[in-house]
Amino acid sequence: MFLIIEINLQPIVCVGIRLTLLRISVCHIKVPWYLLYPDSSTDKSEIMNDINSFYESIVSVLLSAAESSVPKRKSNYYKFWWDIQLDLLKKESIEKHKVWSSLFS
């Protein structure tokens, strides 16, 4: 017996602004509840298939939620002020830290 769980996140209303970034409509997840009450007659391969199916459904839901709600930007998108000079300073800082760390190891 399976219980079907449906997850549906509605748009969020916050201070009069409707945010639709988190609107996710997810398919059904079949939960293998019978595994909580083991029965010696249940086939081991059937159990493994149901566990794998359940796992894959959860991963699929999480990937779908992440894809629709996590912004995709270049790694330097939020550091528009970062330039070559700062790259050099960061590299120099890392090198000096390595030297300093090696003195106390």
PDB file of N, CA and C in Angstrom:
ATOM      1  N   MET A   1       0.841  -1.178   0.000  1.00  0.00           N
ATOM      2  CA  MET A   1       0.000   0.000   0.000  1.00  0.00           C
ATOM      3  C   MET A   1       0.890   1.246   0.000  1.00  0.00           C
ATOM      4  N   PHE A   2       0.505   2.208  -0.796  1.00  0.00           N
ATOM      5  CA  PHE A   2       1.258   3.451  -0.897  1.00  0.00           C
ATOM      6  C   PHE A   2       0.378   4.620  -0.470  1.00  0.00           C
ATOM      7  N   LEU A   3       0.995   5.582   0.172  1.00  0.00           N
ATOM      8  CA  LEU A   3       0.331   6.838   0.472  1.00  0.00           C
ATOM      9  C   LEU A   3       0.929   7.862  -0.480  1.00  0.00           C
ATOM     10  N   ILE A   4       0.094   8.605  -1.140  1.00  0.00           N
ATOM     11  CA  ILE A   4       0.576   9.607  -2.098  1.00  0.00           C
ATOM     12  C   ILE A   4       0.560  10.965  -1.414  1.00  0.00           C
ATOM     13  N   ILE A   5       1.728  11.616  -1.404  1.00  0.00           N
ATOM     14  CA  ILE A   5       1.866  12.938  -0.806  1.00  0.00           C
ATOM     15  C   ILE A   5       2.014  13.937  -1.939  1.00  0.00           C
ATOM     16  N   GLU A   6       1.216  14.986  -1.904  1.00  0.00           N
ATOM     17  CA  GLU A   6       1.347  16.028  -2.922  1.00  0.00           C
ATOM     18  C   GLU A   6       1.827  17.292  -2.240  1.00  0.00           C
ATOM     19  N   ILE A   7       2.875  17.875  -2.783  1.00  0.00           N
ATOM     20  CA  ILE A   7       3.436  19.108  -2.238  1.00  0.00           C
ATOM     21  C   ILE A   7       3.164  20.212  -3.247  1.00  0.00           C
ATOM     22  N   ASN A   8       2.577  21.287  -2.781  1.00  0.00           N
ATOM     23  CA  ASN A   8       2.276  22.400  -3.671  1.00  0.00           C
ATOM     24  C   ASN A   8       2.519  23.689  -2.902  1.00  0.00           C
ATOM     25  N   LEU A   9       3.600  24.393  -3.197  1.00  0.00           N
ATOM     26  CA  LEU A   9       3.904  25.650  -2.538  1.00  0.00           C
ATOM     27  C   LEU A   9       3.274  26.773  -3.351  1.00  0.00           C
ATOM     28  N   GLN A  10       2.432  27.523  -2.701  1.00  0.00           N
ATOM     29  CA  GLN A  10       1.750  28.631  -3.359  1.00  0.00           C
ATOM     30  C   GLN A  10       2.640  29.870  -3.348  1.00  0.00           C
ATOM     31  N   PRO A  11       2.357  30.832  -4.213  1.00  0.00           N
ATOM     32  CA  PRO A  11       3.132  32.073  -4.191  1.00  0.00           C
ATOM     33  C   PRO A  11       3.028  32.740  -2.820  1.00  0.00           C
ATOM     34  N   ILE A  12       4.103  33.388  -2.419  1.00  0.00           N
ATOM     35  CA  ILE A  12       4.157  34.031  -1.113  1.00  0.00           C
ATOM     36  C   ILE A  12       3.757  35.491  -1.267  1.00  0.00           C
ATOM     37  N   VAL A  13       2.919  35.983  -0.348  1.00  0.00           N
ATOM     38  CA  VAL A  13       2.557  37.395  -0.335  1.00  0.00           C
ATOM     39  C   VAL A  13       3.263  38.023   0.853  1.00  0.00           C
ATOM     40  N   CYS A  14       4.117  38.995   0.593  1.00  0.00           N
ATOM     41  CA  CYS A  14       4.907  39.618   1.649  1.00  0.00           C
ATOM     42  C   CYS A  14       4.854  41.128   1.467  1.00  0.00           C
ATOM     43  N   VAL A  15       4.276  41.814   2.425  1.00  0.00           N
ATOM     44  CA  VAL A  15       4.147  43.272   2.402  1.00  0.00           C
ATOM     45  C   VAL A  15       3.527  43.736   1.085  1.00  0.00           C
ATOM     46  N   GLY A  16       2.485  43.064   0.682  1.00  0.00           N
ATOM     47  CA  GLY A  16       1.759  43.469  -0.510  1.00  0.00           C
ATOM     48  C   GLY A  16       2.432  43.119  -1.818  1.00  0.00           C
ATOM     49  N   ILE A  17       3.592  42.486  -1.777  1.00  0.00           N
ATOM     50  CA  ILE A  17       4.303  42.113  -2.995  1.00  0.00           C
ATOM     51  C   ILE A  17       4.156  40.610  -3.168  1.00  0.00           C
ATOM     52  N   ARG A  18       3.738  40.192  -4.320  1.00  0.00           N
ATOM     53  CA  ARG A  18       3.546  38.771  -4.588  1.00  0.00           C
ATOM     54  C   ARG A  18       4.817  38.195  -5.194  1.00  0.00           C
ATOM     55  N   LEU A  19       5.438  37.272  -4.458  1.00  0.00           N
ATOM     56  CA  LEU A  19       6.661  36.629  -4.932  1.00  0.00           C
ATOM     57  C   LEU A  19       6.295  35.301  -5.564  1.00  0.00           C
ATOM     58  N   THR A  20       6.674  35.118  -6.804  1.00  0.00           N
ATOM     59  CA  THR A  20       6.342  33.870  -7.485  1.00  0.00           C
ATOM     60  C   THR A  20       7.554  32.978  -7.690  1.00  0.00           C
ATOM     61  N   LEU A  21       8.699  33.352  -7.116  1.00  0.00           N
ATOM     62  CA  LEU A  21       9.896  32.541  -7.293  1.00  0.00           C
ATOM     63  C   LEU A  21       9.757  31.150  -6.677  1.00  0.00           C
ATOM     64  N   LEU A  22       9.006  31.041  -5.578  1.00  0.00           N
ATOM     65  CA  LEU A  22       8.912  29.765  -4.878  1.00  0.00           C
ATOM     66  C   LEU A  22       7.675  28.974  -5.241  1.00  0.00           C
ATOM     67  N   ARG A  23       7.056  29.299  -6.332  1.00  0.00           N
ATOM     68  CA  ARG A  23       5.866  28.557  -6.737  1.00  0.00           C
ATOM     69  C   ARG A  23       6.303  27.238  -7.374  1.00  0.00           C
ATOM     70  N   ILE A  24       6.095  26.193  -6.630  1.00  0.00           N
ATOM     71  CA  ILE A  24       6.536  24.881  -7.076  1.00  0.00           C
ATOM     72  C   ILE A  24       5.351  23.928  -7.015  1.00  0.00           C
ATOM     73  N   SER A  25       5.072  23.305  -8.095  1.00  0.00           N
ATOM     74  CA  SER A  25       4.047  22.291  -8.115  1.00  0.00           C
ATOM     75  C   SER A  25       4.742  20.963  -8.372  1.00  0.00           C
ATOM     76  N   VAL A  26       4.734  20.110  -7.366  1.00  0.00           N
ATOM     77  CA  VAL A  26       5.499  18.865  -7.415  1.00  0.00           C
ATOM     78  C   VAL A  26       4.561  17.700  -7.647  1.00  0.00           C
ATOM     79  N   CYS A  27       5.046  16.736  -8.411  1.00  0.00           N
ATOM     80  CA  CYS A  27       4.268  15.525  -8.654  1.00  0.00           C
ATOM     81  C   CYS A  27       4.125  14.720  -7.367  1.00  0.00           C
ATOM     82  N   HIS A  28       3.561  13.580  -7.494  1.00  0.00           N
ATOM     83  CA  HIS A  28       3.299  12.728  -6.338  1.00  0.00           C
ATOM     84  C   HIS A  28       4.529  11.923  -5.934  1.00  0.00           C
ATOM     85  N   ILE A  29       4.653  11.733  -4.622  1.00  0.00           N
ATOM     86  CA  ILE A  29       5.704  10.861  -4.098  1.00  0.00           C
ATOM     87  C   ILE A  29       5.006   9.655  -3.477  1.00  0.00           C
ATOM     88  N   LYS A  30       5.378   8.486  -3.936  1.00  0.00           N
ATOM     89  CA  LYS A  30       4.812   7.268  -3.359  1.00  0.00           C
ATOM     90  C   LYS A  30       5.675   6.842  -2.172  1.00  0.00           C
ATOM     91  N   VAL A  31       5.066   6.798  -0.997  1.00  0.00           N
ATOM     92  CA  VAL A  31       5.783   6.408   0.221  1.00  0.00           C
ATOM     93  C   VAL A  31       5.503   4.935   0.494  1.00  0.00           C
ATOM     94  N   PRO A  32       6.535   4.101   0.544  1.00  0.00           N
ATOM     95  CA  PRO A  32       6.330   2.670   0.800  1.00  0.00           C
ATOM     96  C   PRO A  32       6.131   2.385   2.290  1.00  0.00           C
ATOM     97  N   TRP A  33       4.933   2.702   2.788  1.00  0.00           N
ATOM     98  CA  TRP A  33       4.638   2.542   4.213  1.00  0.00           C
ATOM     99  C   TRP A  33       4.741   1.095   4.672  1.00  0.00           C
ATOM    100  N   TYR A  34       4.532   0.161   3.799  1.00  0.00           N
ATOM    101  CA  TYR A  34       4.550  -1.247   4.204  1.00  0.00           C
ATOM    102  C   TYR A  34       5.920  -1.662   4.752  1.00  0.00           C
ATOM    103  N   LEU A  35       6.959  -0.883   4.435  1.00  0.00           N
ATOM    104  CA  LEU A  35       8.294  -1.209   4.933  1.00  0.00           C
ATOM    105  C   LEU A  35       8.415  -1.002   6.442  1.00  0.00           C
ATOM    106  N   LEU A  36       7.497  -0.221   7.013  1.00  0.00           N
ATOM    107  CA  LEU A  36       7.501  -0.032   8.461  1.00  0.00           C
ATOM    108  C   LEU A  36       7.020  -1.278   9.204  1.00  0.00           C
ATOM    109  N   TYR A  37       6.302  -2.116   8.510  1.00  0.00           N
ATOM    110  CA  TYR A  37       5.772  -3.340   9.098  1.00  0.00           C
ATOM    111  C   TYR A  37       6.280  -4.516   8.281  1.00  0.00           C
ATOM    112  N   PRO A  38       7.509  -4.958   8.561  1.00  0.00           N
ATOM    113  CA  PRO A  38       8.132  -5.989   7.734  1.00  0.00           C
ATOM    114  C   PRO A  38       7.320  -7.287   7.694  1.00  0.00           C
ATOM    115  N   ASP A  39       7.327  -7.872   6.534  1.00  0.00           N
ATOM    116  CA  ASP A  39       6.644  -9.145   6.314  1.00  0.00           C
ATOM    117  C   ASP A  39       7.643 -10.067   5.629  1.00  0.00           C
ATOM    118  N   SER A  40       7.801 -11.241   6.144  1.00  0.00           N
ATOM    119  CA  SER A  40       8.810 -12.156   5.601  1.00  0.00           C
ATOM    120  C   SER A  40       8.476 -12.610   4.179  1.00  0.00           C
ATOM    121  N   SER A  41       7.233 -12.428   3.769  1.00  0.00           N
ATOM    122  CA  SER A  41       6.853 -12.872   2.429  1.00  0.00           C
ATOM    123  C   SER A  41       7.183 -11.844   1.345  1.00  0.00           C
ATOM    124  N   THR A  42       7.568 -10.638   1.747  1.00  0.00           N
ATOM    125  CA  THR A  42       7.875  -9.597   0.769  1.00  0.00           C
ATOM    126  C   THR A  42       9.220  -9.889   0.115  1.00  0.00           C
ATOM    127  N   ASP A  43       9.228  -9.796  -1.193  1.00  0.00           N
ATOM    128  CA  ASP A  43      10.427 -10.069  -1.985  1.00  0.00           C
ATOM    129  C   ASP A  43      11.465  -8.976  -1.760  1.00  0.00           C
ATOM    130  N   LYS A  44      12.708  -9.392  -1.535  1.00  0.00           N
ATOM    131  CA  LYS A  44      13.787  -8.447  -1.267  1.00  0.00           C
ATOM    132  C   LYS A  44      14.008  -7.477  -2.429  1.00  0.00           C
ATOM    133  N   SER A  45      13.919  -7.954  -3.647  1.00  0.00           N
ATOM    134  CA  SER A  45      14.120  -7.074  -4.810  1.00  0.00           C
ATOM    135  C   SER A  45      12.998  -6.041  -4.909  1.00  0.00           C
ATOM    136  N   GLU A  46      11.791  -6.425  -4.531  1.00  0.00           N
ATOM    137  CA  GLU A  46      10.672  -5.469  -4.531  1.00  0.00           C
ATOM    138  C   GLU A  46      10.921  -4.368  -3.498  1.00  0.00           C
ATOM    139  N   ILE A  47      11.421  -4.766  -2.333  1.00  0.00           N
ATOM    140  CA  ILE A  47      11.733  -3.783  -1.282  1.00  0.00           C
ATOM    141  C   ILE A  47      12.804  -2.820  -1.770  1.00  0.00           C
ATOM    142  N   MET A  48      13.856  -3.354  -2.363  1.00  0.00           N
ATOM    143  CA  MET A  48      14.943  -2.507  -2.860  1.00  0.00           C
ATOM    144  C   MET A  48      14.459  -1.554  -3.949  1.00  0.00           C
ATOM    145  N   ASN A  49      13.625  -2.043  -4.842  1.00  0.00           N
ATOM    146  CA  ASN A  49      13.067  -1.193  -5.901  1.00  0.00           C
ATOM    147  C   ASN A  49      12.222  -0.068  -5.326  1.00  0.00           C
ATOM    148  N   ASP A  50      11.398  -0.399  -4.317  1.00  0.00           N
ATOM    149  CA  ASP A  50      10.541   0.628  -3.709  1.00  0.00           C
ATOM    150  C   ASP A  50      11.362   1.671  -2.958  1.00  0.00           C
ATOM    151  N   ILE A  51      12.410   1.232  -2.264  1.00  0.00           N
ATOM    152  CA  ILE A  51      13.278   2.188  -1.559  1.00  0.00           C
ATOM    153  C   ILE A  51      13.985   3.090  -2.560  1.00  0.00           C
ATOM    154  N   ASN A  52      14.511   2.518  -3.622  1.00  0.00           N
ATOM    155  CA  ASN A  52      15.186   3.316  -4.659  1.00  0.00           C
ATOM    156  C   ASN A  52      14.226   4.289  -5.335  1.00  0.00           C
ATOM    157  N   SER A  53      13.026   3.843  -5.599  1.00  0.00           N
ATOM    158  CA  SER A  53      12.019   4.707  -6.210  1.00  0.00           C
ATOM    159  C   SER A  53      11.665   5.874  -5.282  1.00  0.00           C
ATOM    160  N   PHE A  54      11.506   5.575  -4.006  1.00  0.00           N
ATOM    161  CA  PHE A  54      11.192   6.605  -3.011  1.00  0.00           C
ATOM    162  C   PHE A  54      12.332   7.628  -2.939  1.00  0.00           C
ATOM    163  N   TYR A  55      13.563   7.129  -2.883  1.00  0.00           N
ATOM    164  CA  TYR A  55      14.746   7.987  -2.841  1.00  0.00           C
ATOM    165  C   TYR A  55      14.817   8.877  -4.084  1.00  0.00           C
ATOM    166  N   GLU A  56      14.635   8.288  -5.252  1.00  0.00           N
ATOM    167  CA  GLU A  56      14.701   9.051  -6.494  1.00  0.00           C
ATOM    168  C   GLU A  56      13.611  10.109  -6.570  1.00  0.00           C
ATOM    169  N   SER A  57      12.437   9.802  -6.028  1.00  0.00           N
ATOM    170  CA  SER A  57      11.348  10.789  -6.003  1.00  0.00           C
ATOM    171  C   SER A  57      11.718  11.978  -5.131  1.00  0.00           C
ATOM    172  N   ILE A  58      12.305  11.707  -3.973  1.00  0.00           N
ATOM    173  CA  ILE A  58      12.705  12.797  -3.075  1.00  0.00           C
ATOM    174  C   ILE A  58      13.784  13.649  -3.727  1.00  0.00           C
ATOM    175  N   VAL A  59      14.782  13.019  -4.323  1.00  0.00           N
ATOM    176  CA  VAL A  59      15.855  13.760  -4.999  1.00  0.00           C
ATOM    177  C   VAL A  59      15.287  14.604  -6.133  1.00  0.00           C
ATOM    178  N   SER A  60      14.360  14.039  -6.877  1.00  0.00           N
ATOM    179  CA  SER A  60      13.735  14.764  -7.979  1.00  0.00           C
ATOM    180  C   SER A  60      12.994  16.007  -7.478  1.00  0.00           C
ATOM    181  N   VAL A  61      12.265  15.860  -6.372  1.00  0.00           N
ATOM    182  CA  VAL A  61      11.543  16.996  -5.792  1.00  0.00           C
ATOM    183  C   VAL A  61      12.523  18.073  -5.345  1.00  0.00           C
ATOM    184  N   LEU A  62      13.605  17.673  -4.690  1.00  0.00           N
ATOM    185  CA  LEU A  62      14.590  18.644  -4.217  1.00  0.00           C
ATOM    186  C   LEU A  62      15.282  19.356  -5.378  1.00  0.00           C
ATOM    187  N   LEU A  63      15.632  18.619  -6.415  1.00  0.00           N
ATOM    188  CA  LEU A  63      16.256  19.239  -7.588  1.00  0.00           C
ATOM    189  C   LEU A  63      15.305  20.210  -8.275  1.00  0.00           C
ATOM    190  N   SER A  64      14.046  19.812  -8.363  1.00  0.00           N
ATOM    191  CA  SER A  64      13.043  20.677  -8.980  1.00  0.00           C
ATOM    192  C   SER A  64      12.864  21.960  -8.174  1.00  0.00           C
ATOM    193  N   ALA A  65      12.810  21.834  -6.847  1.00  0.00           N
ATOM    194  CA  ALA A  65      12.667  23.006  -5.988  1.00  0.00           C
ATOM    195  C   ALA A  65      13.881  23.923  -6.116  1.00  0.00           C
ATOM    196  N   ALA A  66      15.073  23.339  -6.132  1.00  0.00           N
ATOM    197  CA  ALA A  66      16.292  24.144  -6.252  1.00  0.00           C
ATOM    198  C   ALA A  66      16.355  24.845  -7.606  1.00  0.00           C
ATOM    199  N   GLU A  67      16.008  24.117  -8.648  1.00  0.00           N
ATOM    200  CA  GLU A  67      16.064  24.684  -9.993  1.00  0.00           C
ATOM    201  C   GLU A  67      15.130  25.877 -10.148  1.00  0.00           C
ATOM    202  N   SER A  68      13.974  25.806  -9.492  1.00  0.00           N
ATOM    203  CA  SER A  68      13.009  26.889  -9.670  1.00  0.00           C
ATOM    204  C   SER A  68      13.165  28.009  -8.649  1.00  0.00           C
ATOM    205  N   SER A  69      13.985  27.827  -7.615  1.00  0.00           N
ATOM    206  CA  SER A  69      14.062  28.879  -6.605  1.00  0.00           C
ATOM    207  C   SER A  69      15.459  29.430  -6.361  1.00  0.00           C
ATOM    208  N   VAL A  70      16.512  28.733  -6.753  1.00  0.00           N
ATOM    209  CA  VAL A  70      17.871  29.227  -6.544  1.00  0.00           C
ATOM    210  C   VAL A  70      18.311  29.993  -7.789  1.00  0.00           C
ATOM    211  N   PRO A  71      18.660  31.268  -7.620  1.00  0.00           N
ATOM    212  CA  PRO A  71      19.057  32.060  -8.786  1.00  0.00           C
ATOM    213  C   PRO A  71      20.354  31.541  -9.396  1.00  0.00           C
ATOM    214  N   LYS A  72      20.408  31.578 -10.706  1.00  0.00           N
ATOM    215  CA  LYS A  72      21.602  31.137 -11.428  1.00  0.00           C
ATOM    216  C   LYS A  72      22.347  32.370 -11.922  1.00  0.00           C
ATOM    217  N   ARG A  73      23.528  32.563 -11.379  1.00  0.00           N
ATOM    218  CA  ARG A  73      24.353  33.712 -11.740  1.00  0.00           C
ATOM    219  C   ARG A  73      25.790  33.247 -11.917  1.00  0.00           C
ATOM    220  N   LYS A  74      26.566  34.022 -12.629  1.00  0.00           N
ATOM    221  CA  LYS A  74      27.997  33.757 -12.731  1.00  0.00           C
ATOM    222  C   LYS A  74      28.615  33.933 -11.345  1.00  0.00           C
ATOM    223  N   SER A  75      29.747  33.279 -11.139  1.00  0.00           N
ATOM    224  CA  SER A  75      30.378  33.333  -9.818  1.00  0.00           C
ATOM    225  C   SER A  75      30.766  34.754  -9.420  1.00  0.00           C
ATOM    226  N   ASN A  76      31.072  35.602 -10.377  1.00  0.00           N
ATOM    227  CA  ASN A  76      31.466  36.971 -10.039  1.00  0.00           C
ATOM    228  C   ASN A  76      30.307  37.971 -10.150  1.00  0.00           C
ATOM    229  N   TYR A  77      29.091  37.506 -10.285  1.00  0.00           N
ATOM    230  CA  TYR A  77      27.933  38.377 -10.473  1.00  0.00           C
ATOM    231  C   TYR A  77      27.768  39.367  -9.321  1.00  0.00           C
ATOM    232  N   TYR A  78      27.935  38.883  -8.093  1.00  0.00           N
ATOM    233  CA  TYR A  78      27.713  39.735  -6.933  1.00  0.00           C
ATOM    234  C   TYR A  78      28.956  40.533  -6.546  1.00  0.00           C
ATOM    235  N   LYS A  79      30.056  40.288  -7.224  1.00  0.00           N
ATOM    236  CA  LYS A  79      31.287  41.018  -6.946  1.00  0.00           C
ATOM    237  C   LYS A  79      31.679  41.823  -8.183  1.00  0.00           C
ATOM    238  N   PHE A  80      30.793  42.677  -8.609  1.00  0.00           N
ATOM    239  CA  PHE A  80      31.058  43.481  -9.793  1.00  0.00           C
ATOM    240  C   PHE A  80      32.252  44.402  -9.599  1.00  0.00           C
ATOM    241  N   TRP A  81      32.598  44.680  -8.349  1.00  0.00           N
ATOM    242  CA  TRP A  81      33.704  45.562  -8.020  1.00  0.00           C
ATOM    243  C   TRP A  81      35.048  44.840  -7.994  1.00  0.00           C
ATOM    244  N   TRP A  82      35.037  43.500  -8.088  1.00  0.00           N
ATOM    245  CA  TRP A  82      36.277  42.716  -8.028  1.00  0.00           C
ATOM    246  C   TRP A  82      37.046  42.892  -9.335  1.00  0.00           C
ATOM    247  N   ASP A  83      38.333  43.171  -9.241  1.00  0.00           N
ATOM    248  CA  ASP A  83      39.128  43.374 -10.452  1.00  0.00           C
ATOM    249  C   ASP A  83      40.451  42.610 -10.369  1.00  0.00           C
ATOM    250  N   ILE A  84      41.315  42.801 -11.348  1.00  0.00           N
ATOM    251  CA  ILE A  84      42.592  42.080 -11.427  1.00  0.00           C
ATOM    252  C   ILE A  84      43.487  42.426 -10.239  1.00  0.00           C
ATOM    253  N   GLN A  85      43.482  43.686  -9.836  1.00  0.00           N
ATOM    254  CA  GLN A  85      44.314  44.108  -8.706  1.00  0.00           C
ATOM    255  C   GLN A  85      43.908  43.342  -7.442  1.00  0.00           C
ATOM    256  N   LEU A  86      42.622  43.175  -7.217  1.00  0.00           N
ATOM    257  CA  LEU A  86      42.164  42.424  -6.043  1.00  0.00           C
ATOM    258  C   LEU A  86      42.507  40.946  -6.163  1.00  0.00           C
ATOM    259  N   ASP A  87      42.513  40.420  -7.383  1.00  0.00           N
ATOM    260  CA  ASP A  87      42.951  39.031  -7.581  1.00  0.00           C
ATOM    261  C   ASP A  87      44.403  38.865  -7.138  1.00  0.00           C
ATOM    262  N   LEU A  88      45.249  39.808  -7.539  1.00  0.00           N
ATOM    263  CA  LEU A  88      46.668  39.750  -7.169  1.00  0.00           C
ATOM    264  C   LEU A  88      46.844  39.877  -5.659  1.00  0.00           C
ATOM    265  N   LEU A  89      46.108  40.785  -5.037  1.00  0.00           N
ATOM    266  CA  LEU A  89      46.198  40.955  -3.587  1.00  0.00           C
ATOM    267  C   LEU A  89      45.729  39.695  -2.850  1.00  0.00           C
ATOM    268  N   LYS A  90      44.690  39.074  -3.347  1.00  0.00           N
ATOM    269  CA  LYS A  90      44.195  37.849  -2.719  1.00  0.00           C
ATOM    270  C   LYS A  90      45.238  36.737  -2.847  1.00  0.00           C
ATOM    271  N   LYS A  91      45.826  36.600  -4.019  1.00  0.00           N
ATOM    272  CA  LYS A  91      46.851  35.574  -4.237  1.00  0.00           C
ATOM    273  C   LYS A  91      48.041  35.807  -3.304  1.00  0.00           C
ATOM    274  N   GLU A  92      48.465  37.054  -3.182  1.00  0.00           N
ATOM    275  CA  GLU A  92      49.575  37.401  -2.292  1.00  0.00           C
ATOM    276  C   GLU A  92      49.224  37.080  -0.841  1.00  0.00           C
ATOM    277  N   SER A  93      48.005  37.386  -0.455  1.00  0.00           N
ATOM    278  CA  SER A  93      47.555  37.098   0.907  1.00  0.00           C
ATOM    279  C   SER A  93      47.571  35.596   1.195  1.00  0.00           C
ATOM    280  N   ILE A  94      47.123  34.800   0.243  1.00  0.00           N
ATOM    281  CA  ILE A  94      47.118  33.341   0.403  1.00  0.00           C
ATOM    282  C   ILE A  94      48.541  32.822   0.545  1.00  0.00           C
ATOM    283  N   GLU A  95      49.453  33.323  -0.280  1.00  0.00           N
ATOM    284  CA  GLU A  95      50.852  32.896  -0.205  1.00  0.00           C
ATOM    285  C   GLU A  95      51.467  33.252   1.145  1.00  0.00           C
ATOM    286  N   LYS A  96      51.219  34.458   1.627  1.00  0.00           N
ATOM    287  CA  LYS A  96      51.771  34.873   2.924  1.00  0.00           C
ATOM    288  C   LYS A  96      51.174  34.055   4.062  1.00  0.00           C
ATOM    289  N   HIS A  97      49.927  33.714   3.937  1.00  0.00           N
ATOM    290  CA  HIS A  97      49.295  32.882   4.957  1.00  0.00           C
ATOM    291  C   HIS A  97      49.925  31.489   4.985  1.00  0.00           C
ATOM    292  N   LYS A  98      50.239  30.955   3.808  1.00  0.00           N
ATOM    293  CA  LYS A  98      50.902  29.641   3.739  1.00  0.00           C
ATOM    294  C   LYS A  98      52.258  29.683   4.425  1.00  0.00           C
ATOM    295  N   VAL A  99      53.009  30.744   4.175  1.00  0.00           N
ATOM    296  CA  VAL A  99      54.321  30.896   4.806  1.00  0.00           C
ATOM    297  C   VAL A  99      54.145  31.000   6.317  1.00  0.00           C
ATOM    298  N   TRP A 100      53.238  31.830   6.763  1.00  0.00           N
ATOM    299  CA  TRP A 100      52.990  32.020   8.195  1.00  0.00           C
ATOM    300  C   TRP A 100      52.549  30.699   8.840  1.00  0.00           C
ATOM    301  N   SER A 101      51.677  29.951   8.170  1.00  0.00           N
ATOM    302  CA  SER A 101      51.199  28.665   8.702  1.00  0.00           C
ATOM    303  C   SER A 101      52.337  27.658   8.800  1.00  0.00           C
ATOM    304  N   SER A 102      53.232  27.676   7.831  1.00  0.00           N
ATOM    305  CA  SER A 102      54.336  26.713   7.828  1.00  0.00           C
ATOM    306  C   SER A 102      55.305  26.972   8.988  1.00  0.00           C
ATOM    307  N   LEU A 103      55.376  28.207   9.467  1.00  0.00           N
ATOM    308  CA  LEU A 103      56.252  28.528  10.599  1.00  0.00           C
ATOM    309  C   LEU A 103      55.792  27.874  11.896  1.00  0.00           C
ATOM    310  N   PHE A 104      54.488  27.637  12.009  1.00  0.00           N
ATOM    311  CA  PHE A 104      53.927  27.108  13.249  1.00  0.00           C
ATOM    312  C   PHE A 104      53.480  25.670  13.142  1.00  0.00           C
ATOM    313  N   SER A 105      53.857  24.970  12.082  1.00  0.00           N
ATOM    314  CA  SER A 105      53.462  23.575  11.914  1.00  0.00           C
ATOM    315  C   SER A 105      54.532  22.635  12.397  1.00  0.00           C
TER     316      SER A 105
END
